[in-house]
N, C-alpha and C. Protein backbone atom coordinates (compact mmCIF):
# COMPACT_ATOMS: atom_id res chain seq x y z
N MET A 1 15.24 -57.56 -30.94
CA MET A 1 13.89 -57.00 -30.44
C MET A 1 13.63 -55.77 -30.31
N ALA A 2 12.45 -55.28 -30.90
CA ALA A 2 12.30 -53.85 -31.08
C ALA A 2 12.18 -53.08 -29.64
N ALA A 3 12.64 -51.91 -29.37
CA ALA A 3 12.68 -51.39 -28.34
C ALA A 3 11.24 -51.06 -27.97
N ARG A 4 10.95 -51.08 -26.62
CA ARG A 4 9.62 -50.92 -25.95
C ARG A 4 9.20 -49.28 -25.95
N THR A 5 8.23 -48.92 -26.36
CA THR A 5 8.23 -47.42 -26.44
C THR A 5 7.34 -46.84 -25.25
N ALA A 6 7.66 -45.85 -24.56
CA ALA A 6 7.07 -45.37 -23.16
C ALA A 6 5.50 -45.13 -23.80
N PRO A 7 4.46 -45.34 -22.74
CA PRO A 7 3.38 -45.03 -22.83
C PRO A 7 3.13 -43.44 -23.02
N THR A 8 2.39 -42.95 -23.56
CA THR A 8 1.60 -41.41 -23.84
C THR A 8 1.18 -41.17 -22.76
N VAL A 9 1.55 -40.09 -21.72
CA VAL A 9 0.75 -39.47 -20.63
C VAL A 9 0.32 -38.39 -21.17
N ALA A 10 -1.16 -38.13 -21.02
CA ALA A 10 -1.78 -37.04 -21.36
C ALA A 10 -1.42 -35.99 -20.53
N PRO A 11 -1.04 -34.85 -21.04
CA PRO A 11 -0.83 -33.77 -19.94
C PRO A 11 -2.03 -33.23 -18.97
N ALA A 12 -1.83 -33.05 -17.63
CA ALA A 12 -2.50 -32.72 -16.89
C ALA A 12 -3.39 -31.38 -17.11
N LYS A 13 -4.71 -31.59 -16.50
CA LYS A 13 -5.30 -30.42 -17.00
C LYS A 13 -5.10 -29.32 -15.82
N LYS A 14 -4.90 -28.18 -15.98
CA LYS A 14 -4.87 -27.13 -15.06
C LYS A 14 -5.93 -26.72 -14.17
N THR A 15 -5.76 -27.06 -12.98
CA THR A 15 -6.86 -26.48 -12.17
C THR A 15 -6.75 -25.31 -11.65
N ALA A 16 -7.61 -24.36 -11.33
CA ALA A 16 -7.32 -23.17 -11.05
C ALA A 16 -7.53 -23.21 -9.41
N ALA A 17 -6.28 -22.58 -8.82
CA ALA A 17 -6.29 -22.64 -7.51
C ALA A 17 -7.43 -21.65 -7.02
N ARG A 18 -8.22 -22.30 -5.85
CA ARG A 18 -9.01 -21.67 -5.01
C ARG A 18 -8.42 -20.42 -4.13
N GLY A 19 -9.29 -19.53 -4.33
CA GLY A 19 -8.76 -18.48 -3.34
C GLY A 19 -9.44 -17.12 -3.83
N GLU A 20 -8.94 -15.85 -3.66
CA GLU A 20 -9.51 -14.55 -3.65
C GLU A 20 -9.81 -14.29 -5.38
N PRO A 21 -8.89 -14.77 -6.43
CA PRO A 21 -9.39 -14.42 -7.85
C PRO A 21 -10.71 -14.89 -8.14
N ILE A 22 -11.00 -16.35 -7.57
CA ILE A 22 -12.07 -17.22 -7.81
C ILE A 22 -13.29 -16.41 -7.36
N VAL A 23 -13.20 -16.12 -6.10
CA VAL A 23 -14.01 -15.14 -5.49
C VAL A 23 -14.70 -14.10 -5.94
N LYS A 24 -13.55 -13.31 -6.61
CA LYS A 24 -13.97 -12.25 -7.44
C LYS A 24 -14.74 -12.34 -8.67
N ASP A 25 -14.28 -13.35 -9.18
CA ASP A 25 -14.85 -13.84 -10.50
C ASP A 25 -16.48 -14.58 -10.41
N VAL A 26 -16.75 -15.19 -9.10
CA VAL A 26 -17.83 -15.47 -8.73
C VAL A 26 -18.79 -14.38 -8.21
N LEU A 27 -18.48 -13.45 -7.74
CA LEU A 27 -19.08 -12.52 -7.27
C LEU A 27 -19.63 -11.61 -8.81
N ALA A 28 -18.53 -11.50 -9.33
CA ALA A 28 -18.80 -10.59 -10.58
C ALA A 28 -19.74 -11.56 -11.38
N ALA A 29 -19.73 -12.41 -11.64
CA ALA A 29 -20.61 -13.14 -12.37
C ALA A 29 -22.23 -13.38 -12.02
N THR A 30 -22.23 -13.59 -10.34
CA THR A 30 -23.24 -13.17 -9.99
C THR A 30 -23.87 -11.88 -10.29
N LEU A 31 -23.08 -11.03 -10.00
CA LEU A 31 -23.69 -9.24 -10.39
C LEU A 31 -24.11 -9.33 -11.47
N GLY A 32 -23.68 -9.73 -12.59
CA GLY A 32 -24.13 -9.77 -14.06
C GLY A 32 -25.36 -10.64 -14.26
N GLU A 33 -25.38 -11.85 -13.47
CA GLU A 33 -26.68 -12.22 -13.64
C GLU A 33 -27.70 -11.80 -12.85
N LEU A 34 -27.59 -11.16 -11.85
CA LEU A 34 -28.69 -10.44 -11.21
C LEU A 34 -29.15 -9.28 -11.88
N GLY A 35 -28.32 -8.44 -12.93
CA GLY A 35 -28.65 -7.55 -13.42
C GLY A 35 -29.29 -8.25 -14.94
N ARG A 36 -29.01 -9.26 -15.30
CA ARG A 36 -29.83 -9.81 -16.48
C ARG A 36 -31.25 -10.46 -16.12
N VAL A 37 -31.17 -11.45 -15.16
CA VAL A 37 -32.49 -11.93 -14.97
C VAL A 37 -33.12 -11.71 -13.41
N GLY A 38 -32.34 -11.26 -12.29
CA GLY A 38 -32.95 -10.60 -11.09
C GLY A 38 -32.57 -11.97 -10.22
N TYR A 39 -33.24 -11.75 -9.10
CA TYR A 39 -32.97 -12.80 -8.11
C TYR A 39 -33.78 -14.03 -8.25
N HIS A 40 -34.89 -13.96 -8.63
CA HIS A 40 -35.67 -15.25 -8.68
C HIS A 40 -34.98 -16.23 -9.80
N ALA A 41 -35.09 -15.68 -10.93
CA ALA A 41 -34.48 -16.48 -12.12
C ALA A 41 -33.14 -16.76 -11.84
N LEU A 42 -32.32 -16.21 -11.17
CA LEU A 42 -30.65 -16.68 -10.91
C LEU A 42 -30.58 -17.97 -10.84
N ARG A 43 -29.68 -18.69 -11.49
CA ARG A 43 -29.56 -20.30 -11.36
C ARG A 43 -28.05 -20.05 -11.18
N ILE A 44 -27.40 -21.21 -10.02
CA ILE A 44 -26.00 -21.15 -10.08
C ILE A 44 -25.16 -21.76 -11.03
N ASP A 45 -26.01 -22.74 -11.94
CA ASP A 45 -25.45 -23.08 -12.92
C ASP A 45 -24.78 -21.94 -14.07
N ASP A 46 -25.96 -21.14 -14.12
CA ASP A 46 -25.34 -19.98 -15.06
C ASP A 46 -24.20 -18.99 -14.58
N VAL A 47 -24.23 -19.01 -13.39
CA VAL A 47 -23.16 -18.14 -12.52
C VAL A 47 -21.87 -19.02 -12.63
N ALA A 48 -22.15 -20.18 -12.50
CA ALA A 48 -20.60 -21.03 -12.86
C ALA A 48 -20.24 -20.90 -13.94
N ALA A 49 -20.91 -20.85 -15.08
CA ALA A 49 -20.56 -20.90 -16.55
C ALA A 49 -20.02 -19.61 -16.68
N ARG A 50 -20.72 -18.67 -16.07
CA ARG A 50 -20.00 -17.23 -16.50
C ARG A 50 -18.88 -16.85 -15.95
N ALA A 51 -18.73 -17.49 -14.56
CA ALA A 51 -17.20 -17.44 -13.83
C ALA A 51 -16.09 -18.23 -14.39
N ASN A 52 -16.53 -19.31 -15.15
CA ASN A 52 -15.72 -20.15 -15.46
C ASN A 52 -15.22 -21.41 -14.59
N VAL A 53 -16.22 -21.64 -13.62
CA VAL A 53 -15.83 -22.26 -12.31
C VAL A 53 -16.96 -23.67 -12.45
N HIS A 54 -16.58 -24.75 -11.72
CA HIS A 54 -17.85 -25.73 -11.18
C HIS A 54 -18.42 -25.11 -10.20
N LYS A 55 -19.83 -25.52 -10.36
CA LYS A 55 -20.60 -25.25 -9.55
C LYS A 55 -20.65 -25.56 -7.84
N THR A 56 -19.48 -26.83 -7.85
CA THR A 56 -19.65 -27.27 -6.43
C THR A 56 -18.56 -26.31 -5.88
N THR A 57 -17.91 -25.48 -6.57
CA THR A 57 -16.89 -24.43 -6.09
C THR A 57 -17.75 -23.39 -5.12
N ILE A 58 -18.73 -23.09 -5.99
CA ILE A 58 -19.80 -22.14 -5.59
C ILE A 58 -20.41 -22.52 -4.00
N TYR A 59 -20.68 -23.79 -4.66
CA TYR A 59 -21.75 -24.43 -3.29
C TYR A 59 -21.00 -24.63 -2.04
N ARG A 60 -19.47 -24.92 -2.13
CA ARG A 60 -18.53 -25.04 -1.32
C ARG A 60 -18.74 -23.70 0.07
N ARG A 61 -18.55 -22.33 -0.80
CA ARG A 61 -18.35 -21.22 -0.17
C ARG A 61 -19.85 -20.87 0.04
N TRP A 62 -20.49 -20.86 -0.69
CA TRP A 62 -21.92 -20.45 -0.52
C TRP A 62 -23.19 -21.34 -0.76
N PRO A 63 -23.62 -22.22 0.27
CA PRO A 63 -24.56 -23.21 0.44
C PRO A 63 -25.74 -22.85 -0.19
N GLU A 64 -26.38 -21.39 -0.02
CA GLU A 64 -27.56 -21.20 -0.30
C GLU A 64 -27.39 -19.76 -1.53
N LYS A 65 -28.34 -19.66 -2.24
CA LYS A 65 -28.10 -18.77 -3.21
C LYS A 65 -28.38 -17.23 -2.54
N VAL A 66 -29.07 -17.17 -1.53
CA VAL A 66 -29.14 -15.99 -0.98
C VAL A 66 -27.86 -15.46 0.04
N ASP A 67 -27.07 -16.45 0.21
CA ASP A 67 -25.93 -16.14 0.87
C ASP A 67 -24.92 -15.39 -0.23
N LEU A 68 -24.94 -16.22 -1.39
CA LEU A 68 -24.01 -15.57 -2.43
C LEU A 68 -24.62 -14.32 -2.94
N VAL A 69 -25.61 -13.93 -2.77
CA VAL A 69 -26.22 -12.79 -3.39
C VAL A 69 -26.02 -11.47 -2.33
N ARG A 70 -26.30 -12.00 -1.18
CA ARG A 70 -25.82 -10.97 0.11
C ARG A 70 -24.28 -10.94 -0.20
N ASP A 71 -23.50 -11.66 -0.21
CA ASP A 71 -21.81 -11.27 -0.17
C ASP A 71 -21.54 -10.55 -1.53
N THR A 72 -22.42 -10.62 -2.82
CA THR A 72 -22.05 -10.13 -3.94
C THR A 72 -22.49 -8.35 -3.71
N LEU A 73 -23.70 -8.37 -3.38
CA LEU A 73 -24.39 -6.99 -3.17
C LEU A 73 -23.32 -6.54 -2.05
N LEU A 74 -23.13 -6.69 -0.78
CA LEU A 74 -22.42 -6.01 -0.02
C LEU A 74 -21.03 -5.88 -0.38
N SER A 75 -20.19 -6.93 -0.85
CA SER A 75 -18.95 -6.23 -1.25
C SER A 75 -18.94 -5.33 -2.38
N THR A 76 -19.89 -5.48 -3.23
CA THR A 76 -19.62 -4.61 -4.30
C THR A 76 -19.90 -3.11 -3.87
N PHE A 77 -20.96 -3.18 -2.86
CA PHE A 77 -21.01 -1.66 -2.39
C PHE A 77 -19.92 -1.35 -1.36
N GLU A 78 -19.42 -1.93 -0.83
CA GLU A 78 -18.16 -1.53 -0.31
C GLU A 78 -16.84 -1.14 -1.32
N ASP A 79 -16.74 -1.79 -2.52
CA ASP A 79 -15.81 -1.56 -3.30
C ASP A 79 -15.99 -0.51 -4.32
N SER A 80 -17.27 -0.14 -4.43
CA SER A 80 -17.83 1.01 -5.33
C SER A 80 -18.10 2.35 -4.60
N PHE A 81 -18.27 2.32 -3.32
CA PHE A 81 -18.77 3.48 -2.82
C PHE A 81 -17.48 3.94 -1.66
N THR A 82 -17.12 5.13 -1.97
CA THR A 82 -15.92 5.71 -1.04
C THR A 82 -16.84 7.04 -0.35
N PRO A 83 -16.64 6.83 1.16
CA PRO A 83 -17.20 7.84 1.79
C PRO A 83 -16.52 9.08 1.30
N PRO A 84 -16.88 10.53 1.10
CA PRO A 84 -16.51 11.44 0.48
C PRO A 84 -15.96 12.44 1.91
N ASP A 85 -15.10 13.07 1.94
CA ASP A 85 -14.65 14.10 2.91
C ASP A 85 -14.02 15.10 2.19
N THR A 86 -14.85 16.04 1.72
CA THR A 86 -14.43 16.95 0.75
C THR A 86 -14.23 18.73 1.58
N GLY A 87 -14.62 18.46 3.23
CA GLY A 87 -14.53 19.55 3.88
C GLY A 87 -15.64 20.57 4.13
N SER A 88 -16.84 20.22 2.94
CA SER A 88 -18.25 20.81 3.16
C SER A 88 -19.21 19.98 2.56
N LEU A 89 -20.35 20.45 3.42
CA LEU A 89 -21.50 19.20 2.99
C LEU A 89 -21.94 19.38 1.52
N ARG A 90 -21.76 20.80 0.94
CA ARG A 90 -22.18 20.89 -0.52
C ARG A 90 -21.13 19.81 -1.38
N GLY A 91 -19.75 19.98 -0.75
CA GLY A 91 -19.19 19.13 -1.77
C GLY A 91 -19.39 17.69 -1.54
N ASP A 92 -19.53 17.34 -0.48
CA ASP A 92 -19.85 15.86 0.08
C ASP A 92 -21.04 15.46 -0.89
N LEU A 93 -22.07 16.12 -0.39
CA LEU A 93 -23.20 15.59 -1.32
C LEU A 93 -23.14 15.60 -2.77
N LEU A 94 -22.39 16.40 -3.25
CA LEU A 94 -22.11 16.41 -4.84
C LEU A 94 -21.45 15.27 -5.31
N ALA A 95 -20.18 14.88 -4.39
CA ALA A 95 -19.77 13.53 -4.55
C ALA A 95 -20.43 12.10 -4.45
N ILE A 96 -21.40 12.40 -3.60
CA ILE A 96 -22.29 11.52 -3.56
C ILE A 96 -23.20 11.18 -4.52
N ALA A 97 -23.55 12.36 -5.17
CA ALA A 97 -24.46 12.38 -6.20
C ALA A 97 -23.69 11.64 -7.55
N ARG A 98 -22.60 12.35 -7.68
CA ARG A 98 -21.81 11.93 -9.00
C ARG A 98 -21.59 10.30 -8.75
N GLN A 99 -21.36 9.78 -7.67
CA GLN A 99 -21.34 8.20 -7.34
C GLN A 99 -22.60 7.43 -7.62
N VAL A 100 -23.80 8.03 -7.16
CA VAL A 100 -25.02 7.63 -7.70
C VAL A 100 -25.23 7.45 -8.94
N VAL A 101 -24.96 8.62 -9.84
CA VAL A 101 -25.12 8.54 -11.11
C VAL A 101 -24.39 7.24 -11.80
N ALA A 102 -22.91 7.38 -11.33
CA ALA A 102 -22.13 6.34 -12.09
C ALA A 102 -22.37 5.06 -11.71
N LEU A 103 -22.83 4.61 -10.44
CA LEU A 103 -23.60 3.29 -10.12
C LEU A 103 -24.63 2.92 -10.81
N SER A 104 -25.53 3.89 -11.21
CA SER A 104 -26.57 3.77 -12.03
C SER A 104 -26.33 3.10 -13.45
N THR A 105 -25.29 3.37 -13.93
CA THR A 105 -25.12 2.56 -15.14
C THR A 105 -24.31 1.34 -15.08
N THR A 106 -24.14 0.58 -14.04
CA THR A 106 -23.52 -0.42 -13.99
C THR A 106 -24.33 -1.52 -13.53
N GLY A 107 -23.58 -2.55 -13.76
CA GLY A 107 -24.35 -3.86 -13.27
C GLY A 107 -24.73 -3.91 -11.87
N TYR A 108 -24.20 -3.37 -11.22
CA TYR A 108 -24.36 -3.58 -9.47
C TYR A 108 -25.58 -2.61 -9.72
N GLY A 109 -25.68 -1.23 -10.06
CA GLY A 109 -26.75 -0.54 -9.97
C GLY A 109 -28.46 -0.91 -10.68
N GLN A 110 -27.69 -1.77 -11.86
CA GLN A 110 -29.11 -2.36 -12.21
C GLN A 110 -29.31 -3.66 -11.59
N ALA A 111 -28.80 -4.45 -10.81
CA ALA A 111 -29.05 -5.43 -10.30
C ALA A 111 -30.08 -4.72 -8.91
N LEU A 112 -29.52 -3.76 -8.24
CA LEU A 112 -30.30 -3.34 -7.34
C LEU A 112 -31.52 -2.81 -7.53
N MET A 113 -31.69 -1.83 -8.72
CA MET A 113 -32.86 -1.45 -9.12
C MET A 113 -33.91 -2.94 -9.62
N ARG A 114 -33.50 -3.64 -10.04
CA ARG A 114 -34.45 -4.72 -10.38
C ARG A 114 -34.96 -5.48 -9.19
N ILE A 115 -34.03 -5.47 -8.31
CA ILE A 115 -34.53 -6.06 -6.80
C ILE A 115 -35.46 -5.19 -6.11
N ALA A 116 -35.12 -3.88 -5.87
CA ALA A 116 -36.17 -2.90 -5.19
C ALA A 116 -37.14 -2.91 -5.86
N MET A 117 -37.06 -2.62 -7.39
CA MET A 117 -38.47 -2.71 -8.13
C MET A 117 -39.19 -3.79 -8.08
N THR A 118 -38.94 -4.89 -8.17
CA THR A 118 -39.53 -6.14 -8.68
C THR A 118 -39.79 -7.30 -7.61
N GLU A 119 -38.54 -7.46 -6.92
CA GLU A 119 -38.67 -8.76 -5.98
C GLU A 119 -38.27 -8.16 -4.46
N ARG A 120 -38.73 -7.09 -4.18
CA ARG A 120 -38.35 -6.59 -2.72
C ARG A 120 -39.03 -7.44 -1.68
N THR A 121 -40.50 -7.73 -2.22
CA THR A 121 -41.39 -8.59 -1.30
C THR A 121 -40.53 -10.15 -0.78
N ASN A 122 -39.71 -10.31 -1.56
CA ASN A 122 -39.04 -11.84 -1.09
C ASN A 122 -38.40 -11.47 -0.06
N GLY A 123 -38.61 -12.41 1.04
CA GLY A 123 -38.26 -12.36 2.52
C GLY A 123 -36.43 -12.39 2.78
N ASP A 124 -35.91 -13.30 1.84
CA ASP A 124 -34.64 -13.25 1.65
C ASP A 124 -33.91 -11.79 1.56
N LEU A 125 -34.31 -11.40 0.24
CA LEU A 125 -34.32 -10.02 -0.51
C LEU A 125 -34.40 -8.92 0.59
N ARG A 126 -35.36 -8.95 1.32
CA ARG A 126 -35.63 -8.23 2.32
C ARG A 126 -34.74 -7.78 3.18
N HIS A 127 -34.20 -9.24 3.92
CA HIS A 127 -32.93 -8.78 4.65
C HIS A 127 -31.69 -8.33 3.97
N ILE A 128 -31.44 -8.85 2.59
CA ILE A 128 -29.86 -8.40 2.04
C ILE A 128 -30.27 -6.52 1.89
N ILE A 129 -31.75 -6.41 1.38
CA ILE A 129 -31.44 -4.86 1.24
C ILE A 129 -31.58 -4.04 2.71
N ASP A 130 -32.15 -4.53 3.64
CA ASP A 130 -31.71 -3.90 5.01
C ASP A 130 -30.34 -4.10 5.56
N SER A 131 -29.52 -4.88 5.19
CA SER A 131 -28.10 -4.97 5.31
C SER A 131 -27.50 -3.77 4.70
N LEU A 132 -27.90 -3.43 3.23
CA LEU A 132 -27.36 -2.56 2.45
C LEU A 132 -27.62 -1.04 3.11
N ARG A 133 -28.89 -1.35 3.41
CA ARG A 133 -29.54 0.34 3.81
C ARG A 133 -28.69 0.55 5.33
N SER A 134 -28.27 -0.47 6.22
CA SER A 134 -27.51 -0.24 7.03
C SER A 134 -26.18 0.29 6.90
N ALA A 135 -25.71 -0.24 6.03
CA ALA A 135 -24.25 0.10 5.49
C ALA A 135 -24.32 1.35 5.00
N LYS A 136 -25.25 1.92 4.17
CA LYS A 136 -25.40 3.48 3.59
C LYS A 136 -25.87 4.37 4.61
N GLU A 137 -26.48 4.20 5.69
CA GLU A 137 -26.97 4.98 6.56
C GLU A 137 -25.65 5.33 7.37
N ALA A 138 -24.83 4.45 8.13
CA ALA A 138 -23.57 4.61 8.76
C ALA A 138 -23.07 5.54 7.75
N THR A 139 -22.70 5.47 6.54
CA THR A 139 -21.76 6.27 5.90
C THR A 139 -22.56 7.72 5.77
N ARG A 140 -23.74 7.67 5.40
CA ARG A 140 -24.31 9.14 5.66
C ARG A 140 -24.45 9.69 7.13
N ARG A 141 -24.47 9.19 8.25
CA ARG A 141 -24.45 9.91 9.43
C ARG A 141 -22.88 10.41 9.65
N GLN A 142 -22.05 9.80 9.02
CA GLN A 142 -20.75 10.16 9.32
C GLN A 142 -20.51 11.53 8.37
N ILE A 143 -21.24 11.67 7.33
CA ILE A 143 -21.30 12.98 6.61
C ILE A 143 -21.73 14.02 7.15
N LEU A 144 -23.21 13.69 7.79
CA LEU A 144 -23.69 14.49 8.22
C LEU A 144 -23.52 15.13 9.84
N GLU A 145 -22.77 14.28 10.50
CA GLU A 145 -22.18 14.34 11.61
C GLU A 145 -21.08 15.53 11.50
N ARG A 146 -19.97 15.28 10.42
CA ARG A 146 -19.08 16.24 10.19
C ARG A 146 -19.59 17.61 10.12
N ALA A 147 -20.68 17.75 8.97
CA ALA A 147 -21.54 18.91 8.65
C ALA A 147 -22.06 19.63 10.01
N ARG A 148 -22.52 19.16 11.00
CA ARG A 148 -23.22 19.51 12.23
C ARG A 148 -21.76 19.97 12.94
N ALA A 149 -20.90 19.04 13.29
CA ALA A 149 -19.62 19.96 13.72
C ALA A 149 -18.83 20.92 13.16
N ARG A 150 -19.16 21.16 11.88
CA ARG A 150 -18.67 22.38 11.19
C ARG A 150 -19.52 23.38 11.20
N GLY A 151 -20.77 23.14 11.87
CA GLY A 151 -21.69 24.46 12.09
C GLY A 151 -22.44 24.74 10.73
N GLU A 152 -22.58 23.72 9.77
CA GLU A 152 -23.15 23.83 8.59
C GLU A 152 -24.51 23.64 8.69
N LEU A 153 -25.12 22.46 9.23
CA LEU A 153 -26.53 21.94 9.24
C LEU A 153 -27.19 22.40 10.52
N ARG A 154 -28.46 22.97 9.81
CA ARG A 154 -29.23 23.34 10.99
C ARG A 154 -29.90 22.07 11.97
N PRO A 155 -29.74 22.49 13.06
CA PRO A 155 -29.92 21.18 14.24
C PRO A 155 -31.25 20.50 13.76
N ASP A 156 -32.36 21.26 13.34
CA ASP A 156 -33.58 20.58 13.49
C ASP A 156 -33.89 19.93 11.77
N VAL A 157 -32.75 19.52 11.14
CA VAL A 157 -32.71 19.35 9.64
C VAL A 157 -33.05 17.45 9.87
N ASP A 158 -33.86 16.96 9.14
CA ASP A 158 -33.59 15.74 9.19
C ASP A 158 -32.47 14.98 7.87
N GLY A 159 -31.27 14.82 8.33
CA GLY A 159 -30.22 14.55 7.51
C GLY A 159 -30.73 13.22 6.51
N GLU A 160 -31.35 12.31 7.25
CA GLU A 160 -31.72 11.28 6.20
C GLU A 160 -32.49 11.52 5.37
N LEU A 161 -33.28 12.60 5.51
CA LEU A 161 -34.48 12.94 4.47
C LEU A 161 -33.80 13.88 3.62
N LEU A 162 -32.72 14.65 3.70
CA LEU A 162 -32.12 15.43 2.94
C LEU A 162 -31.43 14.21 2.05
N MET A 163 -30.66 13.48 2.51
CA MET A 163 -30.03 12.31 1.74
C MET A 163 -31.14 11.57 0.74
N SER A 164 -32.19 10.96 1.22
CA SER A 164 -33.04 10.49 0.71
C SER A 164 -33.58 11.35 -0.78
N THR A 165 -33.92 12.28 -0.55
CA THR A 165 -34.68 13.24 -1.48
C THR A 165 -33.53 13.48 -2.47
N MET A 166 -32.38 13.71 -2.20
CA MET A 166 -31.19 13.80 -3.30
C MET A 166 -31.19 12.60 -4.20
N VAL A 167 -30.92 11.36 -3.36
CA VAL A 167 -30.88 10.13 -4.15
C VAL A 167 -31.98 9.42 -5.09
N GLY A 168 -33.13 9.96 -4.46
CA GLY A 168 -34.21 9.39 -4.92
C GLY A 168 -34.65 10.34 -6.15
N SER A 169 -34.26 11.40 -6.26
CA SER A 169 -34.33 12.62 -7.49
C SER A 169 -33.38 11.99 -8.39
N ILE A 170 -32.42 11.72 -8.13
CA ILE A 170 -31.54 11.04 -9.19
C ILE A 170 -32.07 9.68 -9.86
N HIS A 171 -32.68 8.72 -8.82
CA HIS A 171 -33.13 7.57 -9.25
C HIS A 171 -34.14 7.64 -10.22
N HIS A 172 -35.19 8.79 -9.77
CA HIS A 172 -36.32 9.21 -10.45
C HIS A 172 -35.82 9.43 -11.99
N SER A 173 -34.96 10.52 -12.29
CA SER A 173 -34.34 10.59 -13.19
C SER A 173 -33.61 9.81 -14.20
N VAL A 174 -33.05 8.83 -13.84
CA VAL A 174 -32.31 7.96 -14.54
C VAL A 174 -33.15 6.66 -14.60
N PHE A 175 -33.74 6.18 -13.89
CA PHE A 175 -34.77 4.85 -14.14
C PHE A 175 -36.15 5.27 -14.68
N SER A 176 -36.96 6.29 -14.05
CA SER A 176 -38.27 6.53 -14.72
C SER A 176 -38.37 7.11 -15.71
N ILE A 177 -37.50 8.24 -15.64
CA ILE A 177 -37.63 9.13 -16.92
C ILE A 177 -36.79 8.79 -18.00
N GLY A 178 -35.78 8.28 -17.45
CA GLY A 178 -34.89 7.67 -18.78
C GLY A 178 -33.81 8.76 -19.09
N CYS A 179 -33.29 9.67 -18.37
CA CYS A 179 -32.66 10.76 -18.42
C CYS A 179 -31.14 10.38 -18.41
N ALA A 180 -30.46 10.28 -19.26
CA ALA A 180 -28.87 10.06 -19.45
C ALA A 180 -28.20 10.84 -18.44
N PRO A 181 -27.32 9.95 -17.54
CA PRO A 181 -26.62 10.49 -16.71
C PRO A 181 -25.94 11.86 -16.57
N ARG A 182 -25.04 12.11 -18.04
CA ARG A 182 -24.60 13.27 -18.43
C ARG A 182 -25.52 14.36 -18.23
N GLU A 183 -26.82 14.10 -18.39
CA GLU A 183 -27.89 15.29 -18.54
C GLU A 183 -28.17 15.79 -17.25
N LEU A 184 -27.78 15.02 -16.40
CA LEU A 184 -28.39 15.57 -14.96
C LEU A 184 -27.65 16.75 -14.40
N ALA A 185 -28.52 17.91 -13.85
CA ALA A 185 -27.95 18.74 -13.33
C ALA A 185 -27.72 18.66 -11.78
N LEU A 186 -26.59 18.07 -11.33
CA LEU A 186 -26.19 17.87 -10.00
C LEU A 186 -26.07 18.86 -8.87
N GLU A 187 -25.44 19.92 -9.44
CA GLU A 187 -25.23 21.06 -8.62
C GLU A 187 -26.37 22.00 -8.32
N PRO A 188 -27.28 22.06 -9.64
CA PRO A 188 -28.68 22.89 -8.96
C PRO A 188 -29.59 21.93 -8.02
N LEU A 189 -29.56 20.72 -8.16
CA LEU A 189 -30.16 19.71 -7.07
C LEU A 189 -29.58 19.95 -5.81
N VAL A 190 -28.34 19.74 -5.46
CA VAL A 190 -27.67 20.09 -4.31
C VAL A 190 -28.15 21.53 -3.78
N ASP A 191 -27.80 22.16 -4.46
CA ASP A 191 -28.14 23.69 -4.28
C ASP A 191 -29.61 24.12 -3.71
N LEU A 192 -30.49 23.33 -4.62
CA LEU A 192 -31.89 23.60 -4.03
C LEU A 192 -32.07 22.85 -2.78
N LEU A 193 -31.65 21.72 -2.37
CA LEU A 193 -31.48 21.05 -1.19
C LEU A 193 -31.30 21.83 -0.09
N LEU A 194 -29.87 22.30 -0.30
CA LEU A 194 -29.16 22.79 0.95
C LEU A 194 -29.85 24.40 1.11
N ARG A 195 -30.58 24.73 0.40
CA ARG A 195 -31.43 26.23 0.94
C ARG A 195 -32.06 26.03 2.06
N GLY A 196 -32.78 24.69 2.39
CA GLY A 196 -33.54 24.84 3.54
C GLY A 196 -32.95 24.23 4.64
N ALA A 197 -31.53 23.57 4.43
CA ALA A 197 -31.14 22.93 5.33
C ALA A 197 -29.55 23.67 6.22
N LEU A 198 -28.92 24.34 5.25
CA LEU A 198 -27.76 25.01 5.90
C LEU A 198 -28.30 26.21 7.17
N VAL A 199 -27.21 26.35 7.73
CA VAL A 199 -27.41 27.69 8.90
C VAL A 199 -27.54 28.84 7.86
N PRO A 200 -28.33 29.74 8.17
CA PRO A 200 -28.16 31.31 7.36
C PRO A 200 -26.69 31.70 7.60
N ALA A 201 -26.30 32.33 6.85
CA ALA A 201 -25.04 32.93 7.04
C ALA A 201 -25.30 34.28 7.84
N ALA A 202 -24.47 34.60 8.45
CA ALA A 202 -24.27 35.98 9.71
C ALA A 202 -24.33 36.79 8.39
N PRO A 203 -25.25 37.93 8.74
CA PRO A 203 -25.09 39.34 7.72
C PRO A 203 -24.17 39.75 7.97
N ALA A 204 -23.74 40.77 6.91
CA ALA A 204 -22.56 41.52 6.73
C ALA A 204 -22.57 42.36 7.88
N THR A 205 -21.32 42.71 8.86
CA THR A 205 -21.61 43.62 9.09
C THR A 205 -20.99 45.17 8.36
N PRO A 206 -21.66 46.35 8.78
CA PRO A 206 -21.53 47.37 7.45
C PRO A 206 -20.16 48.19 8.23
N ALA A 207 -19.58 48.42 7.44
CA ALA A 207 -18.17 49.14 7.57
C ALA A 207 -18.44 50.54 8.41
N ARG A 208 -17.54 50.64 9.11
CA ARG A 208 -17.82 51.72 9.99
C ARG A 208 -17.14 52.95 9.43
N LEU A 209 -17.71 54.07 9.24
CA LEU A 209 -17.24 55.52 8.70
C LEU A 209 -16.26 56.28 9.46
């Protein structure tokens, strides 16, 4: 009697554990798709393929596309932007300017600009942009309050206007003119803005003879 052969069992497929690594992969894939096609044309199927997960995994955590995009942009902002504290307003503004330039070449920066320039009339996106603006304004207020506490900033200066002028000038150079980030003269820009914002230095006291 021939020996019976044990049935062949196919190896079990590896299933990725749910958790933080998958969340990071999905958010990174969403960011890439936002930069590539924008919000309106973004498809969860494409995000899932790019993140190498099932789309049901995405829908379980983010039932609506707007939820996924909001988490992607807010978490990327938190990871990408570190509030500077250099000890001077000039140093803080230069640090912010360098971060803005660096972000403008990333998928995050490209996604934000695509949304701001072409899709901002979408109601869902307007809410996301407002959330991002609130996060940025809170960080800027901290920097400006420290500058006022150090006696650097004139009390009549609109700090938000100062920040917006600097960031807008960088965005104009990078996205409208096409200036390469390494070509931007950030120090002259910051110094130009500060000429009208800083408390004038006290005149030197003449030496007594």
